[in-house]
Amino acid sequence: MQTIQLQVKDGYTQNILDMLGSVKDIMLEKIEVKQDPNLEYDAYFYERKAHLDKTIEAVDNGTMKMYDSQEWESEMLDLDKEIEAVNAN
């Protein structure tokens, strides 16, 4: 016997269970649904992970600039000055 683990997109669990149920008596020993432990601590874990993965990919392929701490500090100071100028008017 072998074990297969599936990660099912939200809203499709019942569809998968229905499909597996049709062959359960012939091919399957047991069907068990487990909640992902990451979601117990953070309901948005996978959404945030996907966003972070895209950000890392963008930095790696050069479409997003990665600032060092000095560049970031300079950019934030410039942004503060721009905001103050807009609010002054």
Protein backbone atom coordinates (compact mmCIF):
# COMPACT_ATOMS: atom_id res chain seq x y z
CA MET A 1 0.00 0.00 0.00
CA GLN A 2 1.13 3.57 -0.74
CA THR A 3 0.08 6.91 0.73
CA ILE A 4 -0.67 9.95 -1.43
CA GLN A 5 -1.10 13.44 -0.01
CA LEU A 6 -3.10 16.05 -1.94
CA GLN A 7 -3.29 19.79 -1.43
CA VAL A 8 -6.74 20.80 -2.63
CA LYS A 9 -7.72 24.38 -3.47
CA ASP A 10 -10.41 25.95 -1.32
CA GLY A 11 -13.89 24.95 -2.39
CA TYR A 12 -12.89 21.73 -4.17
CA THR A 13 -12.52 19.31 -1.27
CA GLN A 14 -16.00 17.86 -1.64
CA ASN A 15 -15.50 17.40 -5.41
CA ILE A 16 -12.31 15.42 -4.77
CA LEU A 17 -13.99 13.34 -2.08
CA ASP A 18 -16.88 12.57 -4.44
CA MET A 19 -14.48 11.42 -7.16
CA LEU A 20 -12.50 9.27 -4.75
CA GLY A 21 -15.66 7.89 -3.18
CA SER A 22 -16.67 6.36 -6.50
CA VAL A 23 -13.56 4.12 -6.47
CA LYS A 24 -13.07 3.76 -2.71
CA ASP A 25 -14.32 0.19 -2.40
CA ILE A 26 -12.15 -0.98 -5.31
CA MET A 27 -8.88 0.93 -4.95
CA LEU A 28 -8.68 2.77 -1.64
CA GLU A 29 -8.05 1.57 1.88
CA LYS A 30 -8.99 4.80 3.65
CA ILE A 31 -9.77 8.46 2.89
CA GLU A 32 -8.72 10.95 5.55
CA VAL A 33 -9.07 14.75 5.44
CA LYS A 34 -6.60 16.72 7.55
CA GLN A 35 -6.52 20.46 8.15
CA ASP A 36 -3.18 22.03 7.27
CA PRO A 37 -1.49 22.98 10.57
CA ASN A 38 -0.14 26.20 9.00
CA LEU A 39 -3.73 27.40 8.62
CA GLU A 40 -4.46 26.82 12.31
CA TYR A 41 -1.99 29.58 13.20
CA ASP A 42 -2.46 31.84 10.18
CA ALA A 43 -5.55 31.64 7.97
CA TYR A 44 -3.79 33.63 5.23
CA PHE A 45 -0.53 31.62 5.28
CA TYR A 46 -0.66 30.45 1.66
CA GLU A 47 -1.83 33.79 0.25
CA ARG A 48 1.05 35.58 1.98
CA LYS A 49 3.49 32.84 0.96
CA ALA A 50 2.43 33.18 -2.71
CA HIS A 51 2.88 36.97 -2.53
CA LEU A 52 6.32 36.57 -0.92
CA ASP A 53 7.35 33.97 -3.53
CA LYS A 54 6.37 36.39 -6.34
CA THR A 55 8.34 39.19 -4.67
CA ILE A 56 11.44 36.99 -4.33
CA GLU A 57 11.11 35.93 -7.97
CA ALA A 58 10.82 39.58 -9.07
CA VAL A 59 13.96 40.50 -7.13
CA ASP A 60 15.82 37.48 -8.51
CA ASN A 61 14.90 38.20 -12.15
CA GLY A 62 15.59 41.94 -11.81
CA THR A 63 12.07 43.32 -12.28
CA MET A 64 12.03 44.61 -8.68
CA LYS A 65 14.92 46.45 -7.06
CA MET A 66 16.22 45.26 -3.72
CA TYR A 67 17.33 48.24 -1.62
CA ASP A 68 20.07 48.12 0.97
CA SER A 69 19.38 49.85 4.28
CA GLN A 70 21.01 53.15 3.26
CA GLU A 71 19.09 53.33 -0.02
CA TRP A 72 15.86 52.49 1.78
CA GLU A 73 16.47 55.18 4.42
CA SER A 74 17.15 57.76 1.70
CA GLU A 75 14.00 56.78 -0.24
CA MET A 76 11.87 57.03 2.92
CA LEU A 77 13.25 60.46 3.77
CA ASP A 78 12.48 61.64 0.23
CA LEU A 79 8.97 60.21 0.51
CA ASP A 80 8.43 61.97 3.85
CA LYS A 81 9.47 65.28 2.26
CA GLU A 82 7.06 64.71 -0.65
CA ILE A 83 4.19 63.92 1.71
CA GLU A 84 4.93 66.96 3.86
CA ALA A 85 4.98 69.15 0.74
CA VAL A 86 1.61 67.79 -0.42
CA ASN A 87 0.07 68.23 3.06
CA ALA A 88 1.45 71.77 3.35
CA ASN A 89 -0.68 72.88 0.37
